[in-house]
Amino acid sequence: MSDLEVWLTIAALACATAVTRSSFWVIGEHVSIPTRVQEMLRYAPACALAAIIGPDLLLDPQGTVEFSFHNYKLLAGATAIAYYLVRRNMLETIVFGMACFTALRLLVG
C-alpha cells in the first residue's frame, strides 16, 4: 500500500467511527429502540468479551483447538472462573488468574 492509501484508510475509519458514535447523540430521542432490543443489548459486553477471550484460551499458537493439560491459558482461565464463582470479585479474579497462569508457565512449563 502506498502512503496515500494508508492515510485515506485512516481517514475513512476515523469518519466511520465518528459517524457511528455520534449518531445516537445527533438523532436524540427521535428514534426509539424497542424494549426487546434493549434487553438483548444488555448481553453485548459479555458476548464481546467471550469473543475476545475464548479464542485466546482455546487455541494454540498454530491455531488449532487444544484441550489438554499443556494449555496453561485454559487451565488458568478455568481456575479463574472457579475463583470468581466463589469470591464474586472481579479484580481479585484477574489477579488470581494471572498468578495461576504465570505459576503454570514458570514452574511447570
PDB file of N, CA and C in Angstrom:
ATOM      1  N   MET A   1       0.847  -1.189   0.000  1.00  0.00           N
ATOM      2  CA  MET A   1       0.000   0.000   0.000  1.00  0.00           C
ATOM      3  C   MET A   1       0.882   1.239   0.000  1.00  0.00           C
ATOM      4  N   SER A   2       0.433   2.226  -0.725  1.00  0.00           N
ATOM      5  CA  SER A   2       1.174   3.476  -0.753  1.00  0.00           C
ATOM      6  C   SER A   2       0.798   4.314   0.468  1.00  0.00           C
ATOM      7  N   ASP A   3       1.565   5.372   0.686  1.00  0.00           N
ATOM      8  CA  ASP A   3       1.286   6.260   1.813  1.00  0.00           C
ATOM      9  C   ASP A   3      -0.089   6.903   1.681  1.00  0.00           C
ATOM     10  N   LEU A   4      -0.470   7.252   0.465  1.00  0.00           N
ATOM     11  CA  LEU A   4      -1.784   7.871   0.247  1.00  0.00           C
ATOM     12  C   LEU A   4      -2.908   6.905   0.618  1.00  0.00           C
ATOM     13  N   GLU A   5      -2.764   5.662   0.227  1.00  0.00           N
ATOM     14  CA  GLU A   5      -3.793   4.666   0.560  1.00  0.00           C
ATOM     15  C   GLU A   5      -3.906   4.457   2.064  1.00  0.00           C
ATOM     16  N   VAL A   6      -2.781   4.453   2.754  1.00  0.00           N
ATOM     17  CA  VAL A   6      -2.794   4.291   4.204  1.00  0.00           C
ATOM     18  C   VAL A   6      -3.524   5.461   4.857  1.00  0.00           C
ATOM     19  N   TRP A   7      -3.191   6.690   4.439  1.00  0.00           N
ATOM     20  CA  TRP A   7      -3.835   7.859   5.036  1.00  0.00           C
ATOM     21  C   TRP A   7      -5.320   7.938   4.683  1.00  0.00           C
ATOM     22  N   LEU A   8      -5.691   7.531   3.472  1.00  0.00           N
ATOM     23  CA  LEU A   8      -7.104   7.503   3.107  1.00  0.00           C
ATOM     24  C   LEU A   8      -7.869   6.465   3.935  1.00  0.00           C
ATOM     25  N   THR A   9      -7.253   5.337   4.200  1.00  0.00           N
ATOM     26  CA  THR A   9      -7.876   4.313   5.041  1.00  0.00           C
ATOM     27  C   THR A   9      -8.055   4.815   6.460  1.00  0.00           C
ATOM     28  N   ILE A  10      -7.044   5.472   7.005  1.00  0.00           N
ATOM     29  CA  ILE A  10      -7.146   6.034   8.353  1.00  0.00           C
ATOM     30  C   ILE A  10      -8.247   7.088   8.413  1.00  0.00           C
ATOM     31  N   ALA A  11      -8.319   7.948   7.411  1.00  0.00           N
ATOM     32  CA  ALA A  11      -9.359   8.982   7.385  1.00  0.00           C
ATOM     33  C   ALA A  11     -10.755   8.372   7.265  1.00  0.00           C
ATOM     34  N   ALA A  12     -10.895   7.356   6.428  1.00  0.00           N
ATOM     35  CA  ALA A  12     -12.199   6.705   6.268  1.00  0.00           C
ATOM     36  C   ALA A  12     -12.630   6.024   7.561  1.00  0.00           C
ATOM     37  N   LEU A  13     -11.712   5.350   8.243  1.00  0.00           N
ATOM     38  CA  LEU A  13     -12.051   4.701   9.505  1.00  0.00           C
ATOM     39  C   LEU A  13     -12.377   5.720  10.594  1.00  0.00           C
ATOM     40  N   ALA A  14     -11.670   6.856  10.599  1.00  0.00           N
ATOM     41  CA  ALA A  14     -11.977   7.913  11.563  1.00  0.00           C
ATOM     42  C   ALA A  14     -13.369   8.475  11.322  1.00  0.00           C
ATOM     43  N   CYS A  15     -13.725   8.690  10.065  1.00  0.00           N
ATOM     44  CA  CYS A  15     -15.068   9.197   9.743  1.00  0.00           C
ATOM     45  C   CYS A  15     -16.140   8.173  10.118  1.00  0.00           C
ATOM     46  N   ALA A  16     -15.906   6.919   9.817  1.00  0.00           N
ATOM     47  CA  ALA A  16     -16.878   5.878  10.154  1.00  0.00           C
ATOM     48  C   ALA A  16     -17.061   5.778  11.665  1.00  0.00           C
ATOM     49  N   THR A  17     -15.981   5.882  12.412  1.00  0.00           N
ATOM     50  CA  THR A  17     -16.073   5.834  13.864  1.00  0.00           C
ATOM     51  C   THR A  17     -16.834   7.036  14.400  1.00  0.00           C
ATOM     52  N   ALA A  18     -16.521   8.219  13.897  1.00  0.00           N
ATOM     53  CA  ALA A  18     -17.202   9.420  14.368  1.00  0.00           C
ATOM     54  C   ALA A  18     -18.694   9.382  14.055  1.00  0.00           C
ATOM     55  N   VAL A  19     -19.060   8.924  12.866  1.00  0.00           N
ATOM     56  CA  VAL A  19     -20.472   8.876  12.483  1.00  0.00           C
ATOM     57  C   VAL A  19     -21.235   7.876  13.336  1.00  0.00           C
ATOM     58  N   THR A  20     -20.681   6.698  13.519  1.00  0.00           N
ATOM     59  CA  THR A  20     -21.412   5.686  14.287  1.00  0.00           C
ATOM     60  C   THR A  20     -21.513   6.039  15.760  1.00  0.00           C
ATOM     61  N   ARG A  21     -20.503   6.658  16.320  1.00  0.00           N
ATOM     62  CA  ARG A  21     -20.551   7.009  17.743  1.00  0.00           C
ATOM     63  C   ARG A  21     -21.414   8.236  18.012  1.00  0.00           C
ATOM     64  N   SER A  22     -21.500   9.131  17.066  1.00  0.00           N
ATOM     65  CA  SER A  22     -22.287  10.347  17.298  1.00  0.00           C
ATOM     66  C   SER A  22     -23.720  10.236  16.803  1.00  0.00           C
ATOM     67  N   SER A  23     -24.071   9.136  16.147  1.00  0.00           N
ATOM     68  CA  SER A  23     -25.413   9.043  15.570  1.00  0.00           C
ATOM     69  C   SER A  23     -26.498   9.103  16.631  1.00  0.00           C
ATOM     70  N   PHE A  24     -26.321   8.429  17.766  1.00  0.00           N
ATOM     71  CA  PHE A  24     -27.340   8.466  18.801  1.00  0.00           C
ATOM     72  C   PHE A  24     -27.418   9.836  19.452  1.00  0.00           C
ATOM     73  N   TRP A  25     -26.310  10.538  19.525  1.00  0.00           N
ATOM     74  CA  TRP A  25     -26.312  11.880  20.098  1.00  0.00           C
ATOM     75  C   TRP A  25     -26.998  12.865  19.156  1.00  0.00           C
ATOM     76  N   VAL A  26     -26.748  12.745  17.864  1.00  0.00           N
ATOM     77  CA  VAL A  26     -27.341  13.651  16.881  1.00  0.00           C
ATOM     78  C   VAL A  26     -28.835  13.373  16.710  1.00  0.00           C
ATOM     79  N   ILE A  27     -29.195  12.100  16.634  1.00  0.00           N
ATOM     80  CA  ILE A  27     -30.598  11.742  16.429  1.00  0.00           C
ATOM     81  C   ILE A  27     -31.420  12.053  17.669  1.00  0.00           C
ATOM     82  N   GLY A  28     -30.845  11.835  18.822  1.00  0.00           N
ATOM     83  CA  GLY A  28     -31.548  12.130  20.064  1.00  0.00           C
ATOM     84  C   GLY A  28     -32.670  11.151  20.319  1.00  0.00           C
ATOM     85  N   GLU A  29     -33.811  11.668  20.726  1.00  0.00           N
ATOM     86  CA  GLU A  29     -34.939  10.814  21.068  1.00  0.00           C
ATOM     87  C   GLU A  29     -35.936  10.689  19.932  1.00  0.00           C
ATOM     88  N   HIS A  30     -35.524  11.016  18.720  1.00  0.00           N
ATOM     89  CA  HIS A  30     -36.421  10.890  17.564  1.00  0.00           C
ATOM     90  C   HIS A  30     -36.652   9.432  17.191  1.00  0.00           C
ATOM     91  N   VAL A  31     -35.707   8.583  17.541  1.00  0.00           N
ATOM     92  CA  VAL A  31     -35.816   7.166  17.237  1.00  0.00           C
ATOM     93  C   VAL A  31     -35.822   6.407  18.563  1.00  0.00           C
ATOM     94  N   SER A  32     -36.798   5.543  18.736  1.00  0.00           N
ATOM     95  CA  SER A  32     -36.842   4.764  19.971  1.00  0.00           C
ATOM     96  C   SER A  32     -36.447   3.318  19.664  1.00  0.00           C
ATOM     97  N   ILE A  33     -35.672   2.762  20.559  1.00  0.00           N
ATOM     98  CA  ILE A  33     -35.230   1.381  20.410  1.00  0.00           C
ATOM     99  C   ILE A  33     -36.256   0.497  21.111  1.00  0.00           C
ATOM    100  N   PRO A  34     -36.729  -0.544  20.453  1.00  0.00           N
ATOM    101  CA  PRO A  34     -37.708  -1.427  21.090  1.00  0.00           C
ATOM    102  C   PRO A  34     -37.142  -2.056  22.364  1.00  0.00           C
ATOM    103  N   THR A  35     -38.012  -2.344  23.311  1.00  0.00           N
ATOM    104  CA  THR A  35     -37.558  -2.892  24.594  1.00  0.00           C
ATOM    105  C   THR A  35     -36.877  -4.243  24.428  1.00  0.00           C
ATOM    106  N   ARG A  36     -37.329  -5.038  23.481  1.00  0.00           N
ATOM    107  CA  ARG A  36     -36.689  -6.349  23.257  1.00  0.00           C
ATOM    108  C   ARG A  36     -35.236  -6.164  22.810  1.00  0.00           C
ATOM    109  N   VAL A  37     -34.986  -5.192  21.958  1.00  0.00           N
ATOM    110  CA  VAL A  37     -33.615  -4.918  21.507  1.00  0.00           C
ATOM    111  C   VAL A  37     -32.785  -4.391  22.671  1.00  0.00           C
ATOM    112  N   GLN A  38     -33.368  -3.530  23.502  1.00  0.00           N
ATOM    113  CA  GLN A  38     -32.647  -3.020  24.668  1.00  0.00           C
ATOM    114  C   GLN A  38     -32.273  -4.149  25.620  1.00  0.00           C
ATOM    115  N   GLU A  39     -33.175  -5.116  25.794  1.00  0.00           N
ATOM    116  CA  GLU A  39     -32.871  -6.262  26.648  1.00  0.00           C
ATOM    117  C   GLU A  39     -31.740  -7.094  26.064  1.00  0.00           C
ATOM    118  N   MET A  40     -31.733  -7.267  24.751  1.00  0.00           N
ATOM    119  CA  MET A  40     -30.668  -8.045  24.118  1.00  0.00           C
ATOM    120  C   MET A  40     -29.327  -7.321  24.191  1.00  0.00           C
ATOM    121  N   LEU A  41     -29.332  -5.997  24.128  1.00  0.00           N
ATOM    122  CA  LEU A  41     -28.085  -5.238  24.175  1.00  0.00           C
ATOM    123  C   LEU A  41     -27.401  -5.325  25.539  1.00  0.00           C
ATOM    124  N   ARG A  42     -28.127  -5.737  26.572  1.00  0.00           N
ATOM    125  CA  ARG A  42     -27.507  -5.913  27.894  1.00  0.00           C
ATOM    126  C   ARG A  42     -26.425  -6.977  27.850  1.00  0.00           C
ATOM    127  N   TYR A  43     -26.566  -7.953  26.945  1.00  0.00           N
ATOM    128  CA  TYR A  43     -25.616  -9.063  26.870  1.00  0.00           C
ATOM    129  C   TYR A  43     -24.474  -8.801  25.888  1.00  0.00           C
ATOM    130  N   ALA A  44     -24.473  -7.687  25.212  1.00  0.00           N
ATOM    131  CA  ALA A  44     -23.439  -7.392  24.220  1.00  0.00           C
ATOM    132  C   ALA A  44     -22.030  -7.328  24.820  1.00  0.00           C
ATOM    133  N   PRO A  45     -21.818  -6.666  25.964  1.00  0.00           N
ATOM    134  CA  PRO A  45     -20.450  -6.653  26.508  1.00  0.00           C
ATOM    135  C   PRO A  45     -19.929  -8.045  26.871  1.00  0.00           C
ATOM    136  N   ALA A  46     -20.779  -8.882  27.451  1.00  0.00           N
ATOM    137  CA  ALA A  46     -20.344 -10.237  27.805  1.00  0.00           C
ATOM    138  C   ALA A  46     -20.024 -11.043  26.552  1.00  0.00           C
ATOM    139  N   CYS A  47     -20.817 -10.881  25.502  1.00  0.00           N
ATOM    140  CA  CYS A  47     -20.553 -11.598  24.255  1.00  0.00           C
ATOM    141  C   CYS A  47     -19.251 -11.118  23.616  1.00  0.00           C
ATOM    142  N   ALA A  48     -19.015  -9.818  23.644  1.00  0.00           N
ATOM    143  CA  ALA A  48     -17.773  -9.280  23.077  1.00  0.00           C
ATOM    144  C   ALA A  48     -16.565  -9.784  23.859  1.00  0.00           C
ATOM    145  N   LEU A  49     -16.682  -9.815  25.181  1.00  0.00           N
ATOM    146  CA  LEU A  49     -15.581 -10.313  26.000  1.00  0.00           C
ATOM    147  C   LEU A  49     -15.315 -11.790  25.729  1.00  0.00           C
ATOM    148  N   ALA A  50     -16.375 -12.578  25.593  1.00  0.00           N
ATOM    149  CA  ALA A  50     -16.208 -14.000  25.290  1.00  0.00           C
ATOM    150  C   ALA A  50     -15.580 -14.193  23.913  1.00  0.00           C
ATOM    151  N   ALA A  51     -15.942 -13.352  22.962  1.00  0.00           N
ATOM    152  CA  ALA A  51     -15.374 -13.468  21.618  1.00  0.00           C
ATOM    153  C   ALA A  51     -13.900 -13.109  21.589  1.00  0.00           C
ATOM    154  N   ILE A  52     -13.469 -12.280  22.505  1.00  0.00           N
ATOM    155  CA  ILE A  52     -12.054 -11.906  22.567  1.00  0.00           C
ATOM    156  C   ILE A  52     -11.255 -12.936  23.352  1.00  0.00           C
ATOM    157  N   ILE A  53     -11.782 -13.354  24.494  1.00  0.00           N
ATOM    158  CA  ILE A  53     -11.033 -14.227  25.393  1.00  0.00           C
ATOM    159  C   ILE A  53     -11.096 -15.687  24.965  1.00  0.00           C
ATOM    160  N   GLY A  54     -12.233 -16.133  24.452  1.00  0.00           N
ATOM    161  CA  GLY A  54     -12.411 -17.538  24.086  1.00  0.00           C
ATOM    162  C   GLY A  54     -11.339 -18.085  23.159  1.00  0.00           C
ATOM    163  N   PRO A  55     -11.102 -17.462  22.015  1.00  0.00           N
ATOM    164  CA  PRO A  55     -10.048 -17.981  21.129  1.00  0.00           C
ATOM    165  C   PRO A  55      -8.660 -17.969  21.764  1.00  0.00           C
ATOM    166  N   ASP A  56      -8.392 -16.984  22.607  1.00  0.00           N
ATOM    167  CA  ASP A  56      -7.077 -16.921  23.241  1.00  0.00           C
ATOM    168  C   ASP A  56      -6.884 -18.073  24.218  1.00  0.00           C
ATOM    169  N   LEU A  57      -7.956 -18.485  24.897  1.00  0.00           N
ATOM    170  CA  LEU A  57      -7.841 -19.590  25.837  1.00  0.00           C
ATOM    171  C   LEU A  57      -7.797 -20.952  25.149  1.00  0.00           C
ATOM    172  N   LEU A  58      -8.494 -21.081  24.038  1.00  0.00           N
ATOM    173  CA  LEU A  58      -8.666 -22.397  23.427  1.00  0.00           C
ATOM    174  C   LEU A  58      -7.661 -22.733  22.333  1.00  0.00           C
ATOM    175  N   LEU A  59      -7.102 -21.738  21.660  1.00  0.00           N
ATOM    176  CA  LEU A  59      -6.242 -22.007  20.511  1.00  0.00           C
ATOM    177  C   LEU A  59      -4.773 -21.995  20.896  1.00  0.00           C
ATOM    178  N   ASP A  60      -4.017 -22.909  20.305  1.00  0.00           N
ATOM    179  CA  ASP A  60      -2.575 -22.901  20.494  1.00  0.00           C
ATOM    180  C   ASP A  60      -1.949 -21.961  19.457  1.00  0.00           C
ATOM    181  N   PRO A  61      -0.647 -21.718  19.507  1.00  0.00           N
ATOM    182  CA  PRO A  61      -0.025 -20.782  18.559  1.00  0.00           C
ATOM    183  C   PRO A  61      -0.205 -21.152  17.085  1.00  0.00           C
ATOM    184  N   GLN A  62      -0.436 -22.432  16.786  1.00  0.00           N
ATOM    185  CA  GLN A  62      -0.640 -22.840  15.393  1.00  0.00           C
ATOM    186  C   GLN A  62      -2.081 -22.632  14.946  1.00  0.00           C
ATOM    187  N   GLY A  63      -2.988 -22.320  15.865  1.00  0.00           N
ATOM    188  CA  GLY A  63      -4.374 -22.057  15.506  1.00  0.00           C
ATOM    189  C   GLY A  63      -5.305 -23.244  15.642  1.00  0.00           C
ATOM    190  N   THR A  64      -4.856 -24.308  16.261  1.00  0.00           N
ATOM    191  CA  THR A  64      -5.726 -25.460  16.468  1.00  0.00           C
ATOM    192  C   THR A  64      -6.225 -25.467  17.907  1.00  0.00           C
ATOM    193  N   VAL A  65      -7.418 -26.022  18.102  1.00  0.00           N
ATOM    194  CA  VAL A  65      -8.008 -26.082  19.438  1.00  0.00           C
ATOM    195  C   VAL A  65      -7.252 -27.112  20.262  1.00  0.00           C
ATOM    196  N   GLU A  66      -6.897 -26.721  21.489  1.00  0.00           N
ATOM    197  CA  GLU A  66      -6.112 -27.596  22.352  1.00  0.00           C
ATOM    198  C   GLU A  66      -6.789 -27.744  23.712  1.00  0.00           C
ATOM    199  N   PHE A  67      -7.379 -28.919  23.954  1.00  0.00           N
ATOM    200  CA  PHE A  67      -7.962 -29.259  25.245  1.00  0.00           C
ATOM    201  C   PHE A  67      -7.033 -30.250  25.939  1.00  0.00           C
ATOM    202  N   SER A  68      -5.986 -29.736  26.565  1.00  0.00           N
ATOM    203  CA  SER A  68      -5.060 -30.621  27.262  1.00  0.00           C
ATOM    204  C   SER A  68      -4.487 -29.890  28.463  1.00  0.00           C
ATOM    205  N   PHE A  69      -3.758 -30.644  29.278  1.00  0.00           N
ATOM    206  CA  PHE A  69      -3.138 -30.033  30.450  1.00  0.00           C
ATOM    207  C   PHE A  69      -1.905 -29.206  30.084  1.00  0.00           C
ATOM    208  N   HIS A  70      -1.527 -29.212  28.820  1.00  0.00           N
ATOM    209  CA  HIS A  70      -0.411 -28.387  28.358  1.00  0.00           C
ATOM    210  C   HIS A  70      -0.879 -26.996  27.947  1.00  0.00           C
ATOM    211  N   ASN A  71      -2.183 -26.777  27.906  1.00  0.00           N
ATOM    212  CA  ASN A  71      -2.734 -25.461  27.584  1.00  0.00           C
ATOM    213  C   ASN A  71      -2.889 -24.682  28.890  1.00  0.00           C
ATOM    214  N   TYR A  72      -1.855 -23.951  29.264  1.00  0.00           N
ATOM    215  CA  TYR A  72      -1.836 -23.250  30.544  1.00  0.00           C
ATOM    216  C   TYR A  72      -2.849 -22.109  30.594  1.00  0.00           C
ATOM    217  N   LYS A  73      -3.130 -21.507  29.465  1.00  0.00           N
ATOM    218  CA  LYS A  73      -4.130 -20.432  29.448  1.00  0.00           C
ATOM    219  C   LYS A  73      -5.501 -20.975  29.801  1.00  0.00           C
ATOM    220  N   LEU A  74      -5.843 -22.123  29.249  1.00  0.00           N
ATOM    221  CA  LEU A  74      -7.145 -22.727  29.532  1.00  0.00           C
ATOM    222  C   LEU A  74      -7.241 -23.145  30.996  1.00  0.00           C
ATOM    223  N   LEU A  75      -6.190 -23.731  31.544  1.00  0.00           N
ATOM    224  CA  LEU A  75      -6.198 -24.117  32.952  1.00  0.00           C
ATOM    225  C   LEU A  75      -6.321 -22.905  33.869  1.00  0.00           C
ATOM    226  N   ALA A  76      -5.578 -21.851  33.570  1.00  0.00           N
ATOM    227  CA  ALA A  76      -5.658 -20.637  34.384  1.00  0.00           C
ATOM    228  C   ALA A  76      -7.030 -19.982  34.247  1.00  0.00           C
ATOM    229  N   GLY A  77      -7.606 -20.006  33.051  1.00  0.00           N
ATOM    230  CA  GLY A  77      -8.945 -19.457  32.856  1.00  0.00           C
ATOM    231  C   GLY A  77      -9.995 -20.223  33.628  1.00  0.00           C
ATOM    232  N   ALA A  78      -9.886 -21.555  33.644  1.00  0.00           N
ATOM    233  CA  ALA A  78     -10.847 -22.373  34.394  1.00  0.00           C
ATOM    234  C   ALA A  78     -10.722 -22.125  35.891  1.00  0.00           C
ATOM    235  N   THR A  79      -9.484 -22.013  36.390  1.00  0.00           N
ATOM    236  CA  THR A  79      -9.323 -21.732  37.821  1.00  0.00           C
ATOM    237  C   THR A  79      -9.803 -20.325  38.162  1.00  0.00           C
ATOM    238  N   ALA A  80      -9.629 -19.374  37.255  1.00  0.00           N
ATOM    239  CA  ALA A  80     -10.118 -18.022  37.497  1.00  0.00           C
ATOM    240  C   ALA A  80     -11.648 -17.994  37.532  1.00  0.00           C
ATOM    241  N   ILE A  81     -12.290 -18.757  36.664  1.00  0.00           N
ATOM    242  CA  ILE A  81     -13.756 -18.828  36.682  1.00  0.00           C
ATOM    243  C   ILE A  81     -14.230 -19.434  37.994  1.00  0.00           C
ATOM    244  N   ALA A  82     -13.578 -20.505  38.439  1.00  0.00           N
ATOM    245  CA  ALA A  82     -13.952 -21.116  39.716  1.00  0.00           C
ATOM    246  C   ALA A  82     -13.744 -20.131  40.868  1.00  0.00           C
ATOM    247  N   TYR A  83     -12.647 -19.396  40.838  1.00  0.00           N
ATOM    248  CA  TYR A  83     -12.377 -18.400  41.875  1.00  0.00           C
ATOM    249  C   TYR A  83     -13.458 -17.325  41.888  1.00  0.00           C
ATOM    250  N   TYR A  84     -13.861 -16.878  40.697  1.00  0.00           N
ATOM    251  CA  TYR A  84     -14.899 -15.856  40.638  1.00  0.00           C
ATOM    252  C   TYR A  84     -16.231 -16.373  41.185  1.00  0.00           C
ATOM    253  N   LEU A  85     -16.567 -17.611  40.875  1.00  0.00           N
ATOM    254  CA  LEU A  85     -17.826 -18.168  41.365  1.00  0.00           C
ATOM    255  C   LEU A  85     -17.852 -18.268  42.886  1.00  0.00           C
ATOM    256  N   VAL A  86     -16.684 -18.416  43.501  1.00  0.00           N
ATOM    257  CA  VAL A  86     -16.611 -18.479  44.958  1.00  0.00           C
ATOM    258  C   VAL A  86     -16.572 -17.083  45.572  1.00  0.00           C
ATOM    259  N   ARG A  87     -15.739 -16.200  45.040  1.00  0.00           N
ATOM    260  CA  ARG A  87     -15.483 -14.901  45.675  1.00  0.00           C
ATOM    261  C   ARG A  87     -16.323 -13.744  45.144  1.00  0.00           C
ATOM    262  N   ARG A  88     -16.725 -13.780  43.878  1.00  0.00           N
ATOM    263  CA  ARG A  88     -17.522 -12.722  43.230  1.00  0.00           C
ATOM    264  C   ARG A  88     -16.832 -11.354  43.270  1.00  0.00           C
ATOM    265  N   ASN A  89     -15.523 -11.347  43.038  1.00  0.00           N
ATOM    266  CA  ASN A  89     -14.759 -10.111  43.000  1.00  0.00           C
ATOM    267  C   ASN A  89     -13.918 -10.128  41.726  1.00  0.00           C
ATOM    268  N   MET A  90     -14.202  -9.208  40.807  1.00  0.00           N
ATOM    269  CA  MET A  90     -13.566  -9.229  39.501  1.00  0.00           C
ATOM    270  C   MET A  90     -12.071  -8.905  39.570  1.00  0.00           C
ATOM    271  N   LEU A  91     -11.689  -7.916  40.359  1.00  0.00           N
ATOM    272  CA  LEU A  91     -10.276  -7.553  40.443  1.00  0.00           C
ATOM    273  C   LEU A  91      -9.446  -8.704  41.015  1.00  0.00           C
ATOM    274  N   GLU A  92      -9.939  -9.332  42.080  1.00  0.00           N
ATOM    275  CA  GLU A  92      -9.230 -10.480  42.639  1.00  0.00           C
ATOM    276  C   GLU A  92      -9.155 -11.623  41.631  1.00  0.00           C
ATOM    277  N   THR A  93     -10.211 -11.805  40.850  1.00  0.00           N
ATOM    278  CA  THR A  93     -10.229 -12.869  39.848  1.00  0.00           C
ATOM    279  C   THR A  93      -9.156 -12.647  38.792  1.00  0.00           C
ATOM    280  N   ILE A  94      -9.012 -11.407  38.338  1.00  0.00           N
ATOM    281  CA  ILE A  94      -7.984 -11.097  37.338  1.00  0.00           C
ATOM    282  C   ILE A  94      -6.596 -11.374  37.897  1.00  0.00           C
ATOM    283  N   VAL A  95      -6.343 -10.915  39.114  1.00  0.00           N
ATOM    284  CA  VAL A  95      -5.028 -11.129  39.739  1.00  0.00           C
ATOM    285  C   VAL A  95      -4.782 -12.623  39.954  1.00  0.00           C
ATOM    286  N   PHE A  96      -5.800 -13.337  40.438  1.00  0.00           N
ATOM    287  CA  PHE A  96      -5.658 -14.779  40.685  1.00  0.00           C
ATOM    288  C   PHE A  96      -5.419 -15.541  39.382  1.00  0.00           C
ATOM    289  N   GLY A  97      -6.162 -15.212  38.350  1.00  0.00           N
ATOM    290  CA  GLY A  97      -5.992 -15.882  37.060  1.00  0.00           C
ATOM    291  C   GLY A  97      -4.617 -15.634  36.468  1.00  0.00           C
ATOM    292  N   MET A  98      -4.139 -14.412  36.536  1.00  0.00           N
ATOM    293  CA  MET A  98      -2.806 -14.115  36.018  1.00  0.00           C
ATOM    294  C   MET A  98      -1.723 -14.784  36.858  1.00  0.00           C
ATOM    295  N   ALA A  99      -1.926 -14.844  38.177  1.00  0.00           N
ATOM    296  CA  ALA A  99      -0.958 -15.522  39.042  1.00  0.00           C
ATOM    297  C   ALA A  99      -0.914 -17.018  38.719  1.00  0.00           C
ATOM    298  N   CYS A 100      -2.079 -17.623  38.491  1.00  0.00           N
ATOM    299  CA  CYS A 100      -2.113 -19.049  38.117  1.00  0.00           C
ATOM    300  C   CYS A 100      -1.414 -19.280  36.785  1.00  0.00           C
ATOM    301  N   PHE A 101      -1.701 -18.431  35.815  1.00  0.00           N
ATOM    302  CA  PHE A 101      -1.065 -18.585  34.516  1.00  0.00           C
ATOM    303  C   PHE A 101       0.449 -18.436  34.604  1.00  0.00           C
ATOM    304  N   THR A 102       0.902 -17.428  35.343  1.00  0.00           N
ATOM    305  CA  THR A 102       2.339 -17.206  35.493  1.00  0.00           C
ATOM    306  C   THR A 102       2.992 -18.384  36.214  1.00  0.00           C
ATOM    307  N   ALA A 103       2.340 -18.874  37.269  1.00  0.00           N
ATOM    308  CA  ALA A 103       2.901 -20.013  38.012  1.00  0.00           C
ATOM    309  C   ALA A 103       2.976 -21.250  37.109  1.00  0.00           C
ATOM    310  N   LEU A 104       1.931 -21.524  36.361  1.00  0.00           N
ATOM    311  CA  LEU A 104       1.950 -22.690  35.472  1.00  0.00           C
ATOM    312  C   LEU A 104       3.042 -22.558  34.419  1.00  0.00           C
ATOM    313  N   ARG A 105       3.155 -21.375  33.868  1.00  0.00           N
ATOM    314  CA  ARG A 105       4.128 -21.156  32.781  1.00  0.00           C
ATOM    315  C   ARG A 105       5.568 -21.263  33.301  1.00  0.00           C
ATOM    316  N   LEU A 106       5.823 -20.706  34.494  1.00  0.00           N
ATOM    317  CA  LEU A 106       7.192 -20.693  35.010  1.00  0.00           C
ATOM    318  C   LEU A 106       7.579 -21.991  35.714  1.00  0.00           C
ATOM    319  N   LEU A 107       6.657 -22.573  36.488  1.00  0.00           N
ATOM    320  CA  LEU A 107       7.004 -23.741  37.280  1.00  0.00           C
ATOM    321  C   LEU A 107       6.857 -25.060  36.513  1.00  0.00           C
ATOM    322  N   VAL A 108       5.790 -25.169  35.728  1.00  0.00           N
ATOM    323  CA  VAL A 108       5.535 -26.425  35.032  1.00  0.00           C
ATOM    324  C   VAL A 108       6.175 -26.416  33.652  1.00  0.00           C
ATOM    325  N   GLY A 109       5.972 -25.301  32.922  1.00  0.00           N
ATOM    326  CA  GLY A 109       6.455 -25.247  31.550  1.00  0.00           C
ATOM    327  C   GLY A 109       7.814 -24.778  31.487  1.00  0.00           C
TER     328      GLY A 109
END
